[in-house]
Every structure is written in structure tokens, then in C-alpha cells.
C-alpha atoms as a PDB file:
ATOM      1  CA  MET A   1     -43.348  58.846  45.537  1.00  0.00           C
ATOM      2  CA  PRO A   2     -40.208  57.986  43.502  1.00  0.00           C
ATOM      3  CA  ARG A   3     -41.156  54.273  43.645  1.00  0.00           C
ATOM      4  CA  LEU A   4     -44.588  55.080  42.215  1.00  0.00           C
ATOM      5  CA  ARG A   5     -42.950  56.931  39.314  1.00  0.00           C
ATOM      6  CA  GLN A   6     -40.746  53.899  38.594  1.00  0.00           C
ATOM      7  CA  ILE A   7     -43.766  51.600  38.513  1.00  0.00           C
ATOM      8  CA  ARG A   8     -45.681  53.939  36.218  1.00  0.00           C
ATOM      9  CA  ARG A   9     -42.691  54.241  33.886  1.00  0.00           C
ATOM     10  CA  ARG A  10     -42.198  50.473  33.788  1.00  0.00           C
ATOM     11  CA  TYR A  11     -45.802  49.636  32.977  1.00  0.00           C
ATOM     12  CA  GLY A  12     -46.478  52.531  30.628  1.00  0.00           C
ATOM     13  CA  GLY A  13     -48.659  54.568  32.954  1.00  0.00           C
ATOM     14  CA  LYS A  14     -48.760  58.282  32.400  1.00  0.00           C
ATOM     15  CA  GLN A  15     -47.853  60.446  35.328  1.00  0.00           C
ATOM     16  CA  GLN A  16     -50.865  62.462  36.325  1.00  0.00           C
ATOM     17  CA  ALA A  17     -50.944  65.730  38.154  1.00  0.00           C
ATOM     18  CA  GLU A  18     -52.432  65.692  41.630  1.00  0.00           C
ATOM     19  CA  PRO A  19     -56.122  66.585  41.505  1.00  0.00           C
ATOM     20  CA  GLU A  20     -56.868  70.115  42.582  1.00  0.00           C
ATOM     21  CA  TYR A  21     -59.066  70.773  45.577  1.00  0.00           C
ATOM     22  CA  ASP A  22     -62.622  71.617  44.576  1.00  0.00           C
ATOM     23  CA  GLU A  23     -64.360  73.729  47.203  1.00  0.00           C
ATOM     24  CA  SER A  24     -67.791  72.744  45.936  1.00  0.00           C
ATOM     25  CA  ASP A  25     -66.871  69.080  46.529  1.00  0.00           C
ATOM     26  CA  PRO A  26     -65.275  68.974  50.025  1.00  0.00           C
ATOM     27  CA  GLU A  27     -65.570  65.193  50.331  1.00  0.00           C
ATOM     28  CA  GLY A  28     -63.774  64.663  47.020  1.00  0.00           C
ATOM     29  CA  ALA A  29     -66.582  62.475  45.700  1.00  0.00           C
ATOM     30  CA  ARG A  30     -65.909  63.456  42.094  1.00  0.00           C
ATOM     31  CA  ALA A  31     -62.150  62.888  42.281  1.00  0.00           C
ATOM     32  CA  GLY A  32     -62.377  59.198  41.360  1.00  0.00           C
ATOM     33  CA  GLY A  33     -64.864  59.547  38.546  1.00  0.00           C
ATOM     34  CA  ALA A  34     -68.389  58.236  38.245  1.00  0.00           C
ATOM     35  CA  PRO A  35     -69.012  54.487  38.484  1.00  0.00           C
ATOM     36  CA  GLY A  36     -68.514  52.898  35.072  1.00  0.00           C
ATOM     37  CA  SER A  37     -66.633  55.935  33.732  1.00  0.00           C
ATOM     38  CA  ASP A  38     -63.323  55.694  31.917  1.00  0.00           C
ATOM     39  CA  GLU A  39     -61.485  57.134  34.928  1.00  0.00           C
ATOM     40  CA  THR A  40     -62.716  54.451  37.320  1.00  0.00           C
ATOM     41  CA  GLN A  41     -62.280  51.620  34.831  1.00  0.00           C
ATOM     42  CA  ALA A  42     -58.738  52.458  33.663  1.00  0.00           C
ATOM     43  CA  VAL A  43     -56.859  51.346  36.790  1.00  0.00           C
ATOM     44  CA  PRO A  44     -58.592  47.955  37.283  1.00  0.00           C
ATOM     45  CA  ASP A  45     -58.257  47.237  33.558  1.00  0.00           C
ATOM     46  CA  ARG A  46     -54.529  47.969  33.658  1.00  0.00           C
ATOM     47  CA  ILE A  47     -54.083  45.722  36.711  1.00  0.00           C
ATOM     48  CA  GLY A  48     -56.023  42.918  34.987  1.00  0.00           C
ATOM     49  CA  ALA A  49     -53.946  43.286  31.835  1.00  0.00           C
ATOM     50  CA  ILE A  50     -50.666  43.117  33.785  1.00  0.00           C
ATOM     51  CA  LEU A  51     -51.510  40.294  36.187  1.00  0.00           C
ATOM     52  CA  GLY A  52     -53.759  38.284  33.889  1.00  0.00           C
ATOM     53  CA  THR A  53     -51.226  37.061  31.381  1.00  0.00           C
ATOM     54  CA  GLU A  54     -49.775  33.563  31.551  1.00  0.00           C
ATOM     55  CA  LYS A  55     -47.773  31.328  29.267  1.00  0.00           C
ATOM     56  CA  GLY A  56     -49.914  28.660  27.696  1.00  0.00           C
ATOM     57  CA  ILE A  57     -53.031  30.852  27.615  1.00  0.00           C
ATOM     58  CA  ALA A  58     -54.343  32.624  24.501  1.00  0.00           C
ATOM     59  CA  TYR A  59     -56.682  35.620  24.525  1.00  0.00           C
ATOM     60  CA  GLU A  60     -59.012  36.049  21.588  1.00  0.00           C
ATOM     61  CA  GLU A  61     -61.332  39.042  21.358  1.00  0.00           C
ATOM     62  CA  THR A  62     -64.629  38.566  19.566  1.00  0.00           C
ATOM     63  CA  GLU A  63     -67.930  40.368  19.149  1.00  0.00           C
ATOM     64  CA  VAL A  64     -71.429  38.996  19.648  1.00  0.00           C
ATOM     65  CA  ASP A  65     -74.270  41.217  18.384  1.00  0.00           C
ATOM     66  CA  GLY A  66     -72.263  44.378  19.098  1.00  0.00           C
ATOM     67  CA  MET A  67     -71.095  43.172  22.535  1.00  0.00           C
ATOM     68  CA  SER A  68     -67.347  42.766  23.027  1.00  0.00           C
ATOM     69  CA  CYS A  69     -66.298  39.394  24.415  1.00  0.00           C
ATOM     70  CA  GLU A  70     -63.095  37.510  25.101  1.00  0.00           C
ATOM     71  CA  TRP A  71     -62.111  33.865  24.858  1.00  0.00           C
ATOM     72  CA  VAL A  72     -59.427  32.747  27.306  1.00  0.00           C
ATOM     73  CA  LYS A  73     -58.137  29.535  25.766  1.00  0.00           C
ATOM     74  CA  VAL A  74     -55.821  26.912  27.170  1.00  0.00           C
ATOM     75  CA  GLU A  75     -52.991  26.103  24.745  1.00  0.00           C
ATOM     76  CA  ARG A  76     -52.484  22.493  25.736  1.00  0.00           C
ATOM     77  CA  ALA A  77     -54.410  19.268  25.421  1.00  0.00           C
ATOM     78  CA  HIS A  78     -57.753  19.732  27.154  1.00  0.00           C
ATOM     79  CA  LEU A  79     -61.437  18.893  26.842  1.00  0.00           C
ATOM     80  CA  LYS A  80     -62.944  21.384  24.449  1.00  0.00           C
ATOM     81  CA  ARG A  81     -66.431  20.059  25.039  1.00  0.00           C
ATOM     82  CA  TYR A  82     -66.829  21.928  28.324  1.00  0.00           C
ATOM     83  CA  LEU A  83     -66.304  25.616  29.031  1.00  0.00           C
ATOM     84  CA  ILE A  84     -66.856  28.327  31.619  1.00  0.00           C
ATOM     85  CA  LEU A  85     -69.118  31.275  30.849  1.00  0.00           C
ATOM     86  CA  TYR A  86     -67.708  33.946  33.127  1.00  0.00           C
ATOM     87  CA  CYS A  87     -69.860  36.980  33.946  1.00  0.00           C
ATOM     88  CA  HIS A  88     -67.445  39.516  35.462  1.00  0.00           C
ATOM     89  CA  GLY A  89     -68.286  41.164  38.772  1.00  0.00           C
ATOM     90  CA  GLY A  90     -68.547  44.843  39.523  1.00  0.00           C
ATOM     91  CA  GLY A  91     -72.054  45.351  40.839  1.00  0.00           C
ATOM     92  CA  TYR A  92     -73.419  45.975  37.337  1.00  0.00           C
ATOM     93  CA  SER A  93     -71.674  49.376  37.282  1.00  0.00           C
ATOM     94  CA  THR A  94     -67.966  48.551  36.818  1.00  0.00           C
ATOM     95  CA  GLY A  95     -65.795  45.770  35.473  1.00  0.00           C
ATOM     96  CA  SER A  96     -64.736  44.403  32.112  1.00  0.00           C
ATOM     97  CA  THR A  97     -63.198  41.364  30.492  1.00  0.00           C
ATOM     98  CA  VAL A  98     -59.751  42.918  30.907  1.00  0.00           C
ATOM     99  CA  TYR A  99     -60.357  43.580  34.607  1.00  0.00           C
ATOM    100  CA  ALA A 100     -61.525  39.983  35.081  1.00  0.00           C
ATOM    101  CA  ARG A 101     -58.574  38.562  33.134  1.00  0.00           C
ATOM    102  CA  THR A 102     -56.642  37.667  36.293  1.00  0.00           C
ATOM    103  CA  LEU A 103     -59.444  35.394  37.433  1.00  0.00           C
ATOM    104  CA  THR A 104     -60.396  34.047  34.001  1.00  0.00           C
ATOM    105  CA  THR A 105     -56.765  33.150  33.351  1.00  0.00           C
ATOM    106  CA  LYS A 106     -56.521  31.272  36.650  1.00  0.00           C
ATOM    107  CA  LEU A 107     -59.825  29.507  35.938  1.00  0.00           C
ATOM    108  CA  ALA A 108     -58.674  28.367  32.499  1.00  0.00           C
ATOM    109  CA  GLU A 109     -55.271  27.317  33.778  1.00  0.00           C
ATOM    110  CA  SER A 110     -56.505  25.373  36.799  1.00  0.00           C
ATOM    111  CA  THR A 111     -59.547  23.682  35.223  1.00  0.00           C
ATOM    112  CA  GLY A 112     -58.132  23.051  31.757  1.00  0.00           C
ATOM    113  CA  MET A 113     -61.297  24.550  30.236  1.00  0.00           C
ATOM    114  CA  ASP A 114     -61.730  27.496  27.908  1.00  0.00           C
ATOM    115  CA  VAL A 115     -63.401  30.554  29.439  1.00  0.00           C
ATOM    116  CA  PHE A 116     -65.801  32.881  27.614  1.00  0.00           C
ATOM    117  CA  CYS A 117     -66.161  36.311  29.215  1.00  0.00           C
ATOM    118  CA  PHE A 118     -68.274  39.226  27.970  1.00  0.00           C
ATOM    119  CA  ASN A 119     -68.663  42.955  28.604  1.00  0.00           C
ATOM    120  CA  TYR A 120     -72.257  43.531  29.603  1.00  0.00           C
ATOM    121  CA  ARG A 121     -73.742  47.018  29.488  1.00  0.00           C
ATOM    122  CA  LEU A 122     -73.088  48.879  32.739  1.00  0.00           C
ATOM    123  CA  ALA A 123     -75.334  50.980  34.958  1.00  0.00           C
ATOM    124  CA  PRO A 124     -76.192  53.808  35.334  1.00  0.00           C
ATOM    125  CA  GLU A 125     -75.854  54.483  31.579  1.00  0.00           C
ATOM    126  CA  CYS A 126     -77.851  51.372  30.718  1.00  0.00           C
ATOM    127  CA  LYS A 127     -80.903  50.546  32.788  1.00  0.00           C
ATOM    128  CA  PHE A 128     -82.141  47.139  33.891  1.00  0.00           C
ATOM    129  CA  PRO A 129     -82.522  44.622  32.173  1.00  0.00           C
ATOM    130  CA  ALA A 130     -79.591  45.539  29.866  1.00  0.00           C
ATOM    131  CA  ALA A 131     -77.076  43.345  31.730  1.00  0.00           C
ATOM    132  CA  ALA A 132     -79.494  40.419  31.809  1.00  0.00           C
ATOM    133  CA  GLU A 133     -80.127  40.753  28.069  1.00  0.00           C
ATOM    134  CA  ASP A 134     -76.376  40.730  27.438  1.00  0.00           C
ATOM    135  CA  ALA A 135     -75.973  37.601  29.580  1.00  0.00           C
ATOM    136  CA  MET A 136     -78.660  35.918  27.487  1.00  0.00           C
ATOM    137  CA  LYS A 137     -76.881  37.040  24.294  1.00  0.00           C
ATOM    138  CA  ALA A 138     -73.684  35.351  25.494  1.00  0.00           C
ATOM    139  CA  TRP A 139     -75.591  32.198  26.491  1.00  0.00           C
ATOM    140  CA  ASN A 140     -77.408  32.012  23.158  1.00  0.00           C
ATOM    141  CA  TYR A 141     -74.123  32.503  21.300  1.00  0.00           C
ATOM    142  CA  LEU A 142     -72.618  29.483  23.077  1.00  0.00           C
ATOM    143  CA  MET A 143     -75.719  27.426  22.279  1.00  0.00           C
ATOM    144  CA  TYR A 144     -75.377  28.515  18.629  1.00  0.00           C
ATOM    145  CA  LEU A 145     -71.760  27.259  18.650  1.00  0.00           C
ATOM    146  CA  GLY A 146     -73.055  23.818  19.608  1.00  0.00           C
ATOM    147  CA  TYR A 147     -72.487  23.731  23.350  1.00  0.00           C
ATOM    148  CA  GLY A 148     -75.296  22.247  25.390  1.00  0.00           C
ATOM    149  CA  ALA A 149     -76.579  23.507  28.722  1.00  0.00           C
ATOM    150  CA  ARG A 150     -74.726  20.665  30.465  1.00  0.00           C
ATOM    151  CA  ASP A 151     -71.452  21.684  28.832  1.00  0.00           C
ATOM    152  CA  VAL A 152     -71.378  25.245  30.215  1.00  0.00           C
ATOM    153  CA  ILE A 153     -70.418  26.222  33.751  1.00  0.00           C
ATOM    154  CA  VAL A 154     -71.596  29.729  34.618  1.00  0.00           C
ATOM    155  CA  GLY A 155     -69.348  31.788  36.869  1.00  0.00           C
ATOM    156  CA  GLU A 156     -69.869  34.941  39.005  1.00  0.00           C
ATOM    157  CA  ILE A 157     -73.000  35.094  41.095  1.00  0.00           C
ATOM    158  CA  PRO A 158     -75.272  37.970  39.919  1.00  0.00           C
ATOM    159  CA  GLN A 159     -75.373  37.169  36.213  1.00  0.00           C
ATOM    160  CA  ALA A 160     -75.448  33.453  36.875  1.00  0.00           C
ATOM    161  CA  GLU A 161     -78.587  33.923  38.973  1.00  0.00           C
ATOM    162  CA  ILE A 162     -80.234  35.923  36.194  1.00  0.00           C
ATOM    163  CA  LEU A 163     -79.472  33.172  33.676  1.00  0.00           C
ATOM    164  CA  ARG A 164     -80.788  30.526  36.080  1.00  0.00           C
ATOM    165  CA  CYS A 165     -84.080  32.404  36.507  1.00  0.00           C
ATOM    166  CA  ARG A 166     -84.772  32.760  32.774  1.00  0.00           C
END
């Protein structure tokens, strides 16, 4: 337990009290928070923020029609004609651009391409086809910027399949 306190202190985490036992919830199902809630998203986001930072990579937040997005840009000579549209995982109920930053950083670094990642609306708060509509918003934004369909590589399976079907 002392090691955990050191880690929390070092990375700015607040020490939390142990959750109390709830007799009406013997399995502890509510202890972790509902999928997509702030409680469940905080830990993966913090991990992504810590592990997903590299020298030579710039992170630029932007907004597309009310949807928060993030550019992960390589700060060295590279082909700016091609890019990766990364649709973060999470089963449509969790995940964010910050959570996916570890992978988007590695993608940008290893391919030498910029990566565009977006926060699609999550279930169960937003029903189908909200995520698909957000994926199309991101795609249309890239087309508006002048990228062609041959210039964009789509990453992460579920959203990529939705874009392919449209």
C-alpha cells in the first residue's frame, strides 16, 4: 500500500478512501461506476496521458461540430498528404482520445503520419447510430480539409467497419 501512495503522489492522483460495503450490492457491481461514467473513464484517461507522451510529437485539441477531437502530429519531416483516422476502442461505451493516446502516439511515431482521433458519443447515454454519425462527422471534416479517400487510413475495427459500410 505505501508504494501505491507514492505512485499517486508522483502522478498527482488523489488518495481515495476505500469504498464502503453496500449490503444491497453484494457483488460490488456499482463500485467501479457505470460504463462510460466519469469514474470508469478517469483511470484509463490518466494512464493514456502518462504513457502517451513522447518527444517529437505534438498534441492539438480541436472541435468538429461540437465533438472534441485531437491531432497527434509528428514534429519532424514527414508526408503530410497521408494520415490515420483513429477511432478509439472501448465497445462504444468507454474510451476517449486521451485513453487512446498511447496507441495514437506510437502510430504517429512509427508511421511518420499525423493521426486524427475523435471522441464519439458513448452508450448507453447516446443510442445507436450516434457513434456512427460521429465517425462520419470526422470523415467529412477530413474531406473538407482536402484529404481524399485514398489519403486516409482508418484505424480501430468497429468504427472503421461502419465507415466502410456507408
